[in-house]
Structure formats: C-alpha cells, structure tokens
Amino acid sequence: MLAVIMTGGKQYKVKPDQVIEIDRLKVAEGDSIEFDHVLLVQDGDKTLVGEAVAKARVKATVVMHTRGAKINVIKFKRRKRYMRNLGHKQQYTKVKIVEVLAQPAKKKAASKPKAKSGE
C-alpha cells in the first residue's frame, strides 16, 4: 500500500515500515502521530484520489529529532572590506510509517426526483 501525504507544505510518498525525514514537529520522541492530509492512496492496481481519500489516514511514530547538514551563507563585496558569514542547520523529525488506513468515502445513493402532488 502506498500513500502521498502532505505536511509542512511538502508532499511525501510513503509506505508502511518506511522512515522519512520531515520538517520538525512538536511531538515527543516515541509518540504516535496521525497524518490526515492524505492526497493519494494506492493499493495494488486500485488508486483513490481527491474526495475518495477524504477519510484516509496515515499512522506513524516519531523516531527521533535531528538536524541537517550545515549550510554556509556568505555575503561579500569586493574591495569594500565587507564580508558576513552566516550558518544554518535545518531541524528535522524522523518518522516511521506504521500503517496506511484507506477508508473510501461512501457513494451517495442517487435520489429519485419527488413527484409533485396535485398534478
């Protein structure tokens, strides 16, 4: 089973037992989390998209919080003795996908038009 979830403004393709690195979440290590913003669910040759996955969820557990590689940002102007050096480390959360729960939305029964009385 495969799903596409959205968190932190980014989309991730996930499968059960997969460990992914997403933007930092305010959840303690070892806690479970549920992603309810699911964009696509694929089970074999059956694919659900749009309103069909409105009730789908992806369950995961937080493995650890970590930081990415350091990025150096340098501002420099030649012959003016101007140089600024700035570093940045992005914070991430490693999450292990436990299961993908796909509950397709029930189709509404087609209602018959009501006959007007008195005609």
PDB file of N, CA and C in Angstrom:
ATOM      1  N   MET A   1       0.850  -1.176   0.000  1.00  0.00           N
ATOM      2  CA  MET A   1       0.000   0.000   0.000  1.00  0.00           C
ATOM      3  C   MET A   1       0.896   1.239   0.000  1.00  0.00           C
ATOM      4  N   LEU A   2       0.508   2.227  -0.752  1.00  0.00           N
ATOM      5  CA  LEU A   2       1.292   3.437  -0.949  1.00  0.00           C
ATOM      6  C   LEU A   2       0.391   4.637  -0.710  1.00  0.00           C
ATOM      7  N   ALA A   3       0.940   5.709  -0.153  1.00  0.00           N
ATOM      8  CA  ALA A   3       0.159   6.927   0.076  1.00  0.00           C
ATOM      9  C   ALA A   3       1.033   8.145  -0.168  1.00  0.00           C
ATOM     10  N   VAL A   4       0.395   9.246  -0.507  1.00  0.00           N
ATOM     11  CA  VAL A   4       1.068  10.538  -0.624  1.00  0.00           C
ATOM     12  C   VAL A   4       0.444  11.440   0.422  1.00  0.00           C
ATOM     13  N   ILE A   5       1.271  11.904   1.381  1.00  0.00           N
ATOM     14  CA  ILE A   5       0.780  12.774   2.451  1.00  0.00           C
ATOM     15  C   ILE A   5       1.380  14.160   2.283  1.00  0.00           C
ATOM     16  N   MET A   6       0.757  15.126   2.953  1.00  0.00           N
ATOM     17  CA  MET A   6       1.263  16.493   2.909  1.00  0.00           C
ATOM     18  C   MET A   6       1.452  16.981   4.337  1.00  0.00           C
ATOM     19  N   THR A   7       2.656  17.436   4.640  1.00  0.00           N
ATOM     20  CA  THR A   7       2.953  18.013   5.945  1.00  0.00           C
ATOM     21  C   THR A   7       4.067  19.038   5.787  1.00  0.00           C
ATOM     22  N   GLY A   8       3.942  20.137   6.471  1.00  0.00           N
ATOM     23  CA  GLY A   8       4.959  21.177   6.379  1.00  0.00           C
ATOM     24  C   GLY A   8       5.043  21.828   5.017  1.00  0.00           C
ATOM     25  N   GLY A   9       3.947  21.777   4.240  1.00  0.00           N
ATOM     26  CA  GLY A   9       3.940  22.372   2.919  1.00  0.00           C
ATOM     27  C   GLY A   9       4.638  21.530   1.863  1.00  0.00           C
ATOM     28  N   LYS A  10       5.011  20.305   2.218  1.00  0.00           N
ATOM     29  CA  LYS A  10       5.690  19.422   1.271  1.00  0.00           C
ATOM     30  C   LYS A  10       4.922  18.113   1.167  1.00  0.00           C
ATOM     31  N   GLN A  11       5.098  17.426   0.043  1.00  0.00           N
ATOM     32  CA  GLN A  11       4.431  16.146  -0.178  1.00  0.00           C
ATOM     33  C   GLN A  11       5.452  15.017  -0.085  1.00  0.00           C
ATOM     34  N   TYR A  12       5.026  13.913   0.543  1.00  0.00           N
ATOM     35  CA  TYR A  12       5.908  12.762   0.722  1.00  0.00           C
ATOM     36  C   TYR A  12       5.187  11.501   0.280  1.00  0.00           C
ATOM     37  N   LYS A  13       5.896  10.649  -0.464  1.00  0.00           N
ATOM     38  CA  LYS A  13       5.369   9.344  -0.866  1.00  0.00           C
ATOM     39  C   LYS A  13       5.823   8.345   0.191  1.00  0.00           C
ATOM     40  N   VAL A  14       4.856   7.679   0.853  1.00  0.00           N
ATOM     41  CA  VAL A  14       5.194   6.814   1.980  1.00  0.00           C
ATOM     42  C   VAL A  14       4.612   5.419   1.810  1.00  0.00           C
ATOM     43  N   LYS A  15       5.281   4.451   2.448  1.00  0.00           N
ATOM     44  CA  LYS A  15       4.847   3.063   2.510  1.00  0.00           C
ATOM     45  C   LYS A  15       4.970   2.621   3.965  1.00  0.00           C
ATOM     46  N   PRO A  16       4.265   1.582   4.376  1.00  0.00           N
ATOM     47  CA  PRO A  16       4.437   1.078   5.746  1.00  0.00           C
ATOM     48  C   PRO A  16       5.878   0.623   5.997  1.00  0.00           C
ATOM     49  N   ASP A  17       6.347   0.821   7.226  1.00  0.00           N
ATOM     50  CA  ASP A  17       7.696   0.480   7.697  1.00  0.00           C
ATOM     51  C   ASP A  17       8.793   1.320   7.049  1.00  0.00           C
ATOM     52  N   GLN A  18       8.441   2.454   6.475  1.00  0.00           N
ATOM     53  CA  GLN A  18       9.421   3.363   5.880  1.00  0.00           C
ATOM     54  C   GLN A  18       9.732   4.474   6.879  1.00  0.00           C
ATOM     55  N   VAL A  19      10.997   4.901   6.942  1.00  0.00           N
ATOM     56  CA  VAL A  19      11.404   6.006   7.806  1.00  0.00           C
ATOM     57  C   VAL A  19      11.666   7.213   6.919  1.00  0.00           C
ATOM     58  N   ILE A  20      10.968   8.323   7.193  1.00  0.00           N
ATOM     59  CA  ILE A  20      11.146   9.537   6.397  1.00  0.00           C
ATOM     60  C   ILE A  20      11.575  10.677   7.313  1.00  0.00           C
ATOM     61  N   GLU A  21      12.180  11.691   6.730  1.00  0.00           N
ATOM     62  CA  GLU A  21      12.636  12.866   7.445  1.00  0.00           C
ATOM     63  C   GLU A  21      11.785  14.049   7.004  1.00  0.00           C
ATOM     64  N   ILE A  22      11.011  14.604   7.952  1.00  0.00           N
ATOM     65  CA  ILE A  22      10.124  15.718   7.637  1.00  0.00           C
ATOM     66  C   ILE A  22      10.519  16.922   8.480  1.00  0.00           C
ATOM     67  N   ASP A  23       9.924  18.079   8.201  1.00  0.00           N
ATOM     68  CA  ASP A  23      10.197  19.265   8.997  1.00  0.00           C
ATOM     69  C   ASP A  23       9.821  19.016  10.452  1.00  0.00           C
ATOM     70  N   ARG A  24      10.480  19.706  11.352  1.00  0.00           N
ATOM     71  CA  ARG A  24      10.347  19.496  12.801  1.00  0.00           C
ATOM     72  C   ARG A  24       8.896  19.610  13.251  1.00  0.00           C
ATOM     73  N   LEU A  25       8.436  18.619  14.035  1.00  0.00           N
ATOM     74  CA  LEU A  25       7.106  18.607  14.632  1.00  0.00           C
ATOM     75  C   LEU A  25       7.241  18.728  16.139  1.00  0.00           C
ATOM     76  N   LYS A  26       6.267  19.340  16.784  1.00  0.00           N
ATOM     77  CA  LYS A  26       6.288  19.486  18.243  1.00  0.00           C
ATOM     78  C   LYS A  26       5.646  18.264  18.892  1.00  0.00           C
ATOM     79  N   VAL A  27       6.297  17.121  18.718  1.00  0.00           N
ATOM     80  CA  VAL A  27       5.836  15.853  19.265  1.00  0.00           C
ATOM     81  C   VAL A  27       7.044  15.178  19.905  1.00  0.00           C
ATOM     82  N   ALA A  28       6.838  14.577  21.080  1.00  0.00           N
ATOM     83  CA  ALA A  28       7.944  13.928  21.774  1.00  0.00           C
ATOM     84  C   ALA A  28       8.370  12.652  21.053  1.00  0.00           C
ATOM     85  N   GLU A  29       9.632  12.265  21.248  1.00  0.00           N
ATOM     86  CA  GLU A  29      10.144  11.040  20.634  1.00  0.00           C
ATOM     87  C   GLU A  29       9.404   9.841  21.201  1.00  0.00           C
ATOM     88  N   GLY A  30       9.045   8.910  20.326  1.00  0.00           N
ATOM     89  CA  GLY A  30       8.328   7.708  20.742  1.00  0.00           C
ATOM     90  C   GLY A  30       6.819   7.844  20.675  1.00  0.00           C
ATOM     91  N   ASP A  31       6.303   9.067  20.566  1.00  0.00           N
ATOM     92  CA  ASP A  31       4.857   9.271  20.470  1.00  0.00           C
ATOM     93  C   ASP A  31       4.360   8.900  19.076  1.00  0.00           C
ATOM     94  N   SER A  32       3.072   8.595  19.005  1.00  0.00           N
ATOM     95  CA  SER A  32       2.482   8.299  17.698  1.00  0.00           C
ATOM     96  C   SER A  32       1.808   9.551  17.163  1.00  0.00           C
ATOM     97  N   ILE A  33       1.722   9.629  15.858  1.00  0.00           N
ATOM     98  CA  ILE A  33       1.122  10.790  15.190  1.00  0.00           C
ATOM     99  C   ILE A  33       0.314  10.283  14.018  1.00  0.00           C
ATOM    100  N   GLU A  34      -0.708  11.041  13.661  1.00  0.00           N
ATOM    101  CA  GLU A  34      -1.581  10.659  12.556  1.00  0.00           C
ATOM    102  C   GLU A  34      -1.621  11.788  11.541  1.00  0.00           C
ATOM    103  N   PHE A  35      -1.338  11.463  10.295  1.00  0.00           N
ATOM    104  CA  PHE A  35      -1.418  12.438   9.216  1.00  0.00           C
ATOM    105  C   PHE A  35      -2.774  12.254   8.539  1.00  0.00           C
ATOM    106  N   ASP A  36      -3.608  13.291   8.579  1.00  0.00           N
ATOM    107  CA  ASP A  36      -4.939  13.179   7.982  1.00  0.00           C
ATOM    108  C   ASP A  36      -5.046  13.912   6.645  1.00  0.00           C
ATOM    109  N   HIS A  37      -3.986  14.600   6.246  1.00  0.00           N
ATOM    110  CA  HIS A  37      -3.988  15.285   4.945  1.00  0.00           C
ATOM    111  C   HIS A  37      -3.359  14.334   3.918  1.00  0.00           C
ATOM    112  N   VAL A  38      -4.159  13.373   3.469  1.00  0.00           N
ATOM    113  CA  VAL A  38      -3.704  12.367   2.513  1.00  0.00           C
ATOM    114  C   VAL A  38      -4.204  12.764   1.121  1.00  0.00           C
ATOM    115  N   LEU A  39      -3.303  12.776   0.153  1.00  0.00           N
ATOM    116  CA  LEU A  39      -3.658  13.208  -1.195  1.00  0.00           C
ATOM    117  C   LEU A  39      -3.960  12.044  -2.132  1.00  0.00           C
ATOM    118  N   LEU A  40      -3.317  10.892  -1.899  1.00  0.00           N
ATOM    119  CA  LEU A  40      -3.474   9.748  -2.786  1.00  0.00           C
ATOM    120  C   LEU A  40      -3.221   8.472  -1.995  1.00  0.00           C
ATOM    121  N   VAL A  41      -4.006   7.442  -2.287  1.00  0.00           N
ATOM    122  CA  VAL A  41      -3.784   6.111  -1.717  1.00  0.00           C
ATOM    123  C   VAL A  41      -3.827   5.113  -2.859  1.00  0.00           C
ATOM    124  N   GLN A  42      -2.805   4.243  -2.918  1.00  0.00           N
ATOM    125  CA  GLN A  42      -2.739   3.235  -3.967  1.00  0.00           C
ATOM    126  C   GLN A  42      -2.560   1.874  -3.311  1.00  0.00           C
ATOM    127  N   ASP A  43      -3.478   0.968  -3.625  1.00  0.00           N
ATOM    128  CA  ASP A  43      -3.426  -0.388  -3.090  1.00  0.00           C
ATOM    129  C   ASP A  43      -3.478  -1.352  -4.270  1.00  0.00           C
ATOM    130  N   GLY A  44      -2.305  -1.850  -4.658  1.00  0.00           N
ATOM    131  CA  GLY A  44      -2.240  -2.718  -5.838  1.00  0.00           C
ATOM    132  C   GLY A  44      -2.536  -1.911  -7.088  1.00  0.00           C
ATOM    133  N   ASP A  45      -3.593  -2.289  -7.800  1.00  0.00           N
ATOM    134  CA  ASP A  45      -3.973  -1.540  -9.002  1.00  0.00           C
ATOM    135  C   ASP A  45      -5.166  -0.632  -8.747  1.00  0.00           C
ATOM    136  N   LYS A  46      -5.557  -0.465  -7.472  1.00  0.00           N
ATOM    137  CA  LYS A  46      -6.672   0.407  -7.101  1.00  0.00           C
ATOM    138  C   LYS A  46      -6.105   1.716  -6.556  1.00  0.00           C
ATOM    139  N   THR A  47      -6.488   2.852  -7.168  1.00  0.00           N
ATOM    140  CA  THR A  47      -5.982   4.158  -6.762  1.00  0.00           C
ATOM    141  C   THR A  47      -7.136   5.061  -6.360  1.00  0.00           C
ATOM    142  N   LEU A  48      -6.998   5.705  -5.200  1.00  0.00           N
ATOM    143  CA  LEU A  48      -8.003   6.643  -4.699  1.00  0.00           C
ATOM    144  C   LEU A  48      -7.384   8.029  -4.640  1.00  0.00           C
ATOM    145  N   VAL A  49      -8.088   9.021  -5.195  1.00  0.00           N
ATOM    146  CA  VAL A  49      -7.597  10.393  -5.254  1.00  0.00           C
ATOM    147  C   VAL A  49      -8.744  11.341  -4.958  1.00  0.00           C
ATOM    148  N   GLY A  50      -8.443  12.518  -4.442  1.00  0.00           N
ATOM    149  CA  GLY A  50      -9.444  13.569  -4.251  1.00  0.00           C
ATOM    150  C   GLY A  50     -10.384  13.281  -3.105  1.00  0.00           C
ATOM    151  N   GLU A  51     -11.687  13.429  -3.335  1.00  0.00           N
ATOM    152  CA  GLU A  51     -12.680  13.229  -2.284  1.00  0.00           C
ATOM    153  C   GLU A  51     -12.758  11.777  -1.839  1.00  0.00           C
ATOM    154  N   ALA A  52     -12.258  10.863  -2.638  1.00  0.00           N
ATOM    155  CA  ALA A  52     -12.296   9.443  -2.288  1.00  0.00           C
ATOM    156  C   ALA A  52     -11.381   9.136  -1.102  1.00  0.00           C
ATOM    157  N   VAL A  53     -10.374   9.977  -0.850  1.00  0.00           N
ATOM    158  CA  VAL A  53      -9.465   9.748   0.271  1.00  0.00           C
ATOM    159  C   VAL A  53      -9.670  10.762   1.390  1.00  0.00           C
ATOM    160  N   ALA A  54     -10.862  11.323   1.464  1.00  0.00           N
ATOM    161  CA  ALA A  54     -11.140  12.336   2.481  1.00  0.00           C
ATOM    162  C   ALA A  54     -11.001  11.782   3.892  1.00  0.00           C
ATOM    163  N   LYS A  55     -11.299  10.514   4.094  1.00  0.00           N
ATOM    164  CA  LYS A  55     -11.223   9.922   5.429  1.00  0.00           C
ATOM    165  C   LYS A  55      -9.976   9.054   5.618  1.00  0.00           C
ATOM    166  N   ALA A  56      -9.070   9.044   4.674  1.00  0.00           N
ATOM    167  CA  ALA A  56      -7.859   8.232   4.786  1.00  0.00           C
ATOM    168  C   ALA A  56      -6.895   8.876   5.780  1.00  0.00           C
ATOM    169  N   ARG A  57      -6.136   8.023   6.480  1.00  0.00           N
ATOM    170  CA  ARG A  57      -5.166   8.492   7.462  1.00  0.00           C
ATOM    171  C   ARG A  57      -3.900   7.657   7.345  1.00  0.00           C
ATOM    172  N   VAL A  58      -2.794   8.246   7.805  1.00  0.00           N
ATOM    173  CA  VAL A  58      -1.523   7.527   7.858  1.00  0.00           C
ATOM    174  C   VAL A  58      -1.023   7.625   9.296  1.00  0.00           C
ATOM    175  N   LYS A  59      -0.806   6.469   9.924  1.00  0.00           N
ATOM    176  CA  LYS A  59      -0.319   6.436  11.297  1.00  0.00           C
ATOM    177  C   LYS A  59       1.194   6.272  11.282  1.00  0.00           C
ATOM    178  N   ALA A  60       1.873   6.999  12.193  1.00  0.00           N
ATOM    179  CA  ALA A  60       3.326   6.955  12.265  1.00  0.00           C
ATOM    180  C   ALA A  60       3.777   7.159  13.700  1.00  0.00           C
ATOM    181  N   THR A  61       5.037   6.811  13.976  1.00  0.00           N
ATOM    182  CA  THR A  61       5.646   7.069  15.278  1.00  0.00           C
ATOM    183  C   THR A  61       6.904   7.902  15.071  1.00  0.00           C
ATOM    184  N   VAL A  62       7.179   8.786  16.035  1.00  0.00           N
ATOM    185  CA  VAL A  62       8.348   9.652  15.953  1.00  0.00           C
ATOM    186  C   VAL A  62       9.563   8.861  16.431  1.00  0.00           C
ATOM    187  N   VAL A  63      10.563   8.735  15.566  1.00  0.00           N
ATOM    188  CA  VAL A  63      11.776   8.000  15.912  1.00  0.00           C
ATOM    189  C   VAL A  63      12.736   8.902  16.663  1.00  0.00           C
ATOM    190  N   MET A  64      13.066  10.056  16.079  1.00  0.00           N
ATOM    191  CA  MET A  64      13.981  10.994  16.725  1.00  0.00           C
ATOM    192  C   MET A  64      13.911  12.360  16.065  1.00  0.00           C
ATOM    193  N   HIS A  65      14.433  13.358  16.782  1.00  0.00           N
ATOM    194  CA  HIS A  65      14.587  14.702  16.234  1.00  0.00           C
ATOM    195  C   HIS A  65      16.057  14.880  15.876  1.00  0.00           C
ATOM    196  N   THR A  66      16.321  15.501  14.747  1.00  0.00           N
ATOM    197  CA  THR A  66      17.697  15.647  14.277  1.00  0.00           C
ATOM    198  C   THR A  66      17.856  16.984  13.549  1.00  0.00           C
ATOM    199  N   ARG A  67      19.082  17.291  13.176  1.00  0.00           N
ATOM    200  CA  ARG A  67      19.374  18.499  12.419  1.00  0.00           C
ATOM    201  C   ARG A  67      20.127  18.117  11.158  1.00  0.00           C
ATOM    202  N   GLY A  68      19.896  18.881  10.099  1.00  0.00           N
ATOM    203  CA  GLY A  68      20.531  18.603   8.824  1.00  0.00           C
ATOM    204  C   GLY A  68      21.954  19.116   8.764  1.00  0.00           C
ATOM    205  N   ALA A  69      22.558  19.005   7.606  1.00  0.00           N
ATOM    206  CA  ALA A  69      23.921  19.478   7.399  1.00  0.00           C
ATOM    207  C   ALA A  69      23.956  21.006   7.449  1.00  0.00           C
ATOM    208  N   LYS A  70      25.096  21.545   7.837  1.00  0.00           N
ATOM    209  CA  LYS A  70      25.239  22.985   7.948  1.00  0.00           C
ATOM    210  C   LYS A  70      25.362  23.620   6.568  1.00  0.00           C
ATOM    211  N   ILE A  71      24.644  24.710   6.381  1.00  0.00           N
ATOM    212  CA  ILE A  71      24.694  25.473   5.138  1.00  0.00           C
ATOM    213  C   ILE A  71      25.341  26.815   5.462  1.00  0.00           C
ATOM    214  N   ASN A  72      26.409  27.148   4.763  1.00  0.00           N
ATOM    215  CA  ASN A  72      27.081  28.423   4.978  1.00  0.00           C
ATOM    216  C   ASN A  72      26.570  29.444   3.983  1.00  0.00           C
ATOM    217  N   VAL A  73      26.185  30.605   4.497  1.00  0.00           N
ATOM    218  CA  VAL A  73      25.712  31.709   3.670  1.00  0.00           C
ATOM    219  C   VAL A  73      26.722  32.840   3.826  1.00  0.00           C
ATOM    220  N   ILE A  74      27.294  33.301   2.719  1.00  0.00           N
ATOM    221  CA  ILE A  74      28.325  34.334   2.768  1.00  0.00           C
ATOM    222  C   ILE A  74      27.904  35.522   1.918  1.00  0.00           C
ATOM    223  N   LYS A  75      27.958  36.706   2.517  1.00  0.00           N
ATOM    224  CA  LYS A  75      27.759  37.950   1.775  1.00  0.00           C
ATOM    225  C   LYS A  75      29.144  38.590   1.630  1.00  0.00           C
ATOM    226  N   PHE A  76      29.449  39.061   0.441  1.00  0.00           N
ATOM    227  CA  PHE A  76      30.781  39.585   0.190  1.00  0.00           C
ATOM    228  C   PHE A  76      30.713  40.672  -0.867  1.00  0.00           C
ATOM    229  N   LYS A  77      31.400  41.785  -0.599  1.00  0.00           N
ATOM    230  CA  LYS A  77      31.541  42.842  -1.597  1.00  0.00           C
ATOM    231  C   LYS A  77      33.032  43.108  -1.788  1.00  0.00           C
ATOM    232  N   ARG A  78      33.472  42.982  -3.000  1.00  0.00           N
ATOM    233  CA  ARG A  78      34.899  43.118  -3.268  1.00  0.00           C
ATOM    234  C   ARG A  78      35.363  44.563  -3.098  1.00  0.00           C
ATOM    235  N   ARG A  79      36.579  44.689  -2.661  1.00  0.00           N
ATOM    236  CA  ARG A  79      37.279  45.975  -2.479  1.00  0.00           C
ATOM    237  C   ARG A  79      36.604  46.904  -1.484  1.00  0.00           C
ATOM    238  N   LYS A  80      35.680  46.443  -0.679  1.00  0.00           N
ATOM    239  CA  LYS A  80      34.997  47.306   0.279  1.00  0.00           C
ATOM    240  C   LYS A  80      35.181  46.827   1.720  1.00  0.00           C
ATOM    241  N   ARG A  81      35.958  45.751   1.899  1.00  0.00           N
ATOM    242  CA  ARG A  81      36.200  45.154   3.209  1.00  0.00           C
ATOM    243  C   ARG A  81      34.893  44.779   3.902  1.00  0.00           C
ATOM    244  N   TYR A  82      33.964  44.216   3.116  1.00  0.00           N
ATOM    245  CA  TYR A  82      32.668  43.803   3.656  1.00  0.00           C
ATOM    246  C   TYR A  82      32.507  42.303   3.433  1.00  0.00           C
ATOM    247  N   MET A  83      32.302  41.566   4.534  1.00  0.00           N
ATOM    248  CA  MET A  83      32.047  40.135   4.446  1.00  0.00           C
ATOM    249  C   MET A  83      31.242  39.708   5.665  1.00  0.00           C
ATOM    250  N   ARG A  84      30.158  38.986   5.430  1.00  0.00           N
ATOM    251  CA  ARG A  84      29.323  38.448   6.507  1.00  0.00           C
ATOM    252  C   ARG A  84      29.201  36.952   6.283  1.00  0.00           C
ATOM    253  N   ASN A  85      29.395  36.186   7.342  1.00  0.00           N
ATOM    254  CA  ASN A  85      29.325  34.732   7.272  1.00  0.00           C
ATOM    255  C   ASN A  85      28.223  34.265   8.217  1.00  0.00           C
ATOM    256  N   LEU A  86      27.296  33.460   7.699  1.00  0.00           N
ATOM    257  CA  LEU A  86      26.159  33.003   8.492  1.00  0.00           C
ATOM    258  C   LEU A  86      25.953  31.520   8.228  1.00  0.00           C
ATOM    259  N   GLY A  87      25.679  30.751   9.264  1.00  0.00           N
ATOM    260  CA  GLY A  87      25.434  29.319   9.108  1.00  0.00           C
ATOM    261  C   GLY A  87      24.005  28.975   9.500  1.00  0.00           C
ATOM    262  N   HIS A  88      23.511  27.867   8.952  1.00  0.00           N
ATOM    263  CA  HIS A  88      22.146  27.432   9.246  1.00  0.00           C
ATOM    264  C   HIS A  88      22.085  25.906   9.236  1.00  0.00           C
ATOM    265  N   LYS A  89      21.369  25.334  10.222  1.00  0.00           N
ATOM    266  CA  LYS A  89      21.102  23.899  10.260  1.00  0.00           C
ATOM    267  C   LYS A  89      19.599  23.718  10.381  1.00  0.00           C
ATOM    268  N   GLN A  90      18.999  23.057   9.395  1.00  0.00           N
ATOM    269  CA  GLN A  90      17.553  22.821   9.397  1.00  0.00           C
ATOM    270  C   GLN A  90      17.226  21.711  10.393  1.00  0.00           C
ATOM    271  N   GLN A  91      16.126  21.873  11.134  1.00  0.00           N
ATOM    272  CA  GLN A  91      15.706  20.869  12.105  1.00  0.00           C
ATOM    273  C   GLN A  91      14.698  19.925  11.466  1.00  0.00           C
ATOM    274  N   TYR A  92      14.889  18.628  11.690  1.00  0.00           N
ATOM    275  CA  TYR A  92      14.039  17.600  11.118  1.00  0.00           C
ATOM    276  C   TYR A  92      13.516  16.662  12.191  1.00  0.00           C
ATOM    277  N   THR A  93      12.448  15.938  11.841  1.00  0.00           N
ATOM    278  CA  THR A  93      11.917  14.867  12.669  1.00  0.00           C
ATOM    279  C   THR A  93      11.901  13.604  11.830  1.00  0.00           C
ATOM    280  N   LYS A  94      12.504  12.533  12.348  1.00  0.00           N
ATOM    281  CA  LYS A  94      12.463  11.245  11.646  1.00  0.00           C
ATOM    282  C   LYS A  94      11.227  10.501  12.125  1.00  0.00           C
ATOM    283  N   VAL A  95      10.423  10.054  11.163  1.00  0.00           N
ATOM    284  CA  VAL A  95       9.143   9.420  11.451  1.00  0.00           C
ATOM    285  C   VAL A  95       9.102   8.061  10.764  1.00  0.00           C
ATOM    286  N   LYS A  96       8.632   7.044  11.489  1.00  0.00           N
ATOM    287  CA  LYS A  96       8.460   5.717  10.902  1.00  0.00           C
ATOM    288  C   LYS A  96       6.984   5.497  10.634  1.00  0.00           C
ATOM    289  N   ILE A  97       6.651   5.201   9.390  1.00  0.00           N
ATOM    290  CA  ILE A  97       5.259   4.974   8.993  1.00  0.00           C
ATOM    291  C   ILE A  97       4.833   3.600   9.499  1.00  0.00           C
ATOM    292  N   VAL A  98       3.734   3.560  10.252  1.00  0.00           N
ATOM    293  CA  VAL A  98       3.241   2.304  10.810  1.00  0.00           C
ATOM    294  C   VAL A  98       2.239   1.657   9.866  1.00  0.00           C
ATOM    295  N   GLU A  99       1.213   2.421   9.474  1.00  0.00           N
ATOM    296  CA  GLU A  99       0.215   1.858   8.568  1.00  0.00           C
ATOM    297  C   GLU A  99      -0.519   2.954   7.817  1.00  0.00           C
ATOM    298  N   VAL A 100      -1.081   2.556   6.690  1.00  0.00           N
ATOM    299  CA  VAL A 100      -1.879   3.454   5.854  1.00  0.00           C
ATOM    300  C   VAL A 100      -3.313   2.953   5.928  1.00  0.00           C
ATOM    301  N   LEU A 101      -4.205   3.795   6.426  1.00  0.00           N
ATOM    302  CA  LEU A 101      -5.610   3.426   6.560  1.00  0.00           C
ATOM    303  C   LEU A 101      -6.414   4.139   5.489  1.00  0.00           C
ATOM    304  N   ALA A 102      -6.938   3.388   4.551  1.00  0.00           N
ATOM    305  CA  ALA A 102      -7.726   3.969   3.458  1.00  0.00           C
ATOM    306  C   ALA A 102      -9.179   3.598   3.670  1.00  0.00           C
ATOM    307  N   GLN A 103      -9.987   4.596   3.936  1.00  0.00           N
ATOM    308  CA  GLN A 103     -11.428   4.388   4.062  1.00  0.00           C
ATOM    309  C   GLN A 103     -12.095   5.196   2.966  1.00  0.00           C
ATOM    310  N   PRO A 104     -12.424   4.568   1.866  1.00  0.00           N
ATOM    311  CA  PRO A 104     -13.038   5.327   0.782  1.00  0.00           C
ATOM    312  C   PRO A 104     -14.373   5.906   1.222  1.00  0.00           C
ATOM    313  N   ALA A 105     -14.656   7.105   0.765  1.00  0.00           N
ATOM    314  CA  ALA A 105     -15.921   7.752   1.095  1.00  0.00           C
ATOM    315  C   ALA A 105     -17.066   6.982   0.462  1.00  0.00           C
ATOM    316  N   LYS A 106     -18.152   6.879   1.203  1.00  0.00           N
ATOM    317  CA  LYS A 106     -19.315   6.151   0.689  1.00  0.00           C
ATOM    318  C   LYS A 106     -19.981   6.967  -0.409  1.00  0.00           C
ATOM    319  N   LYS A 107     -20.397   6.265  -1.457  1.00  0.00           N
ATOM    320  CA  LYS A 107     -21.075   6.952  -2.546  1.00  0.00           C
ATOM    321  C   LYS A 107     -22.504   7.263  -2.121  1.00  0.00           C
ATOM    322  N   LYS A 108     -22.941   8.452  -2.458  1.00  0.00           N
ATOM    323  CA  LYS A 108     -24.301   8.848  -2.132  1.00  0.00           C
ATOM    324  C   LYS A 108     -25.266   8.154  -3.093  1.00  0.00           C
ATOM    325  N   ALA A 109     -26.325   7.647  -2.528  1.00  0.00           N
ATOM    326  CA  ALA A 109     -27.338   6.987  -3.354  1.00  0.00           C
ATOM    327  C   ALA A 109     -28.057   8.047  -4.178  1.00  0.00           C
ATOM    328  N   ALA A 110     -28.290   7.734  -5.416  1.00  0.00           N
ATOM    329  CA  ALA A 110     -28.980   8.674  -6.292  1.00  0.00           C
ATOM    330  C   ALA A 110     -30.431   8.781  -5.836  1.00  0.00           C
ATOM    331  N   SER A 111     -30.823   9.999  -5.516  1.00  0.00           N
ATOM    332  CA  SER A 111     -32.204  10.177  -5.042  1.00  0.00           C
ATOM    333  C   SER A 111     -33.123  10.394  -6.237  1.00  0.00           C
ATOM    334  N   LYS A 112     -34.299   9.842  -6.130  1.00  0.00           N
ATOM    335  CA  LYS A 112     -35.286   9.984  -7.191  1.00  0.00           C
ATOM    336  C   LYS A 112     -35.983  11.325  -7.036  1.00  0.00           C
ATOM    337  N   PRO A 113     -36.271  11.976  -8.138  1.00  0.00           N
ATOM    338  CA  PRO A 113     -36.973  13.256  -8.013  1.00  0.00           C
ATOM    339  C   PRO A 113     -38.392  13.012  -7.471  1.00  0.00           C
ATOM    340  N   LYS A 114     -38.775  13.878  -6.556  1.00  0.00           N
ATOM    341  CA  LYS A 114     -40.089  13.735  -5.938  1.00  0.00           C
ATOM    342  C   LYS A 114     -41.175  14.196  -6.902  1.00  0.00           C
ATOM    343  N   ALA A 115     -42.240  13.422  -6.945  1.00  0.00           N
ATOM    344  CA  ALA A 115     -43.378  13.799  -7.794  1.00  0.00           C
ATOM    345  C   ALA A 115     -44.182  14.870  -7.087  1.00  0.00           C
ATOM    346  N   LYS A 116     -44.553  15.879  -7.837  1.00  0.00           N
ATOM    347  CA  LYS A 116     -45.345  16.953  -7.252  1.00  0.00           C
ATOM    348  C   LYS A 116     -46.771  16.471  -7.073  1.00  0.00           C
ATOM    349  N   SER A 117     -47.318  16.727  -5.919  1.00  0.00           N
ATOM    350  CA  SER A 117     -48.689  16.297  -5.659  1.00  0.00           C
ATOM    351  C   SER A 117     -49.671  17.320  -6.247  1.00  0.00           C
ATOM    352  N   GLY A 118     -50.789  16.836  -6.702  1.00  0.00           N
ATOM    353  CA  GLY A 118     -51.814  17.717  -7.251  1.00  0.00           C
ATOM    354  C   GLY A 118     -51.711  17.880  -8.754  1.00  0.00           C
ATOM    355  N   GLU A 119     -50.816  17.253  -9.378  1.00  0.00           N
ATOM    356  CA  GLU A 119     -50.720  17.362 -10.848  1.00  0.00           C
ATOM    357  C   GLU A 119     -51.006  16.065 -11.497  1.00  0.00           C
TER     358      GLU A 119
END
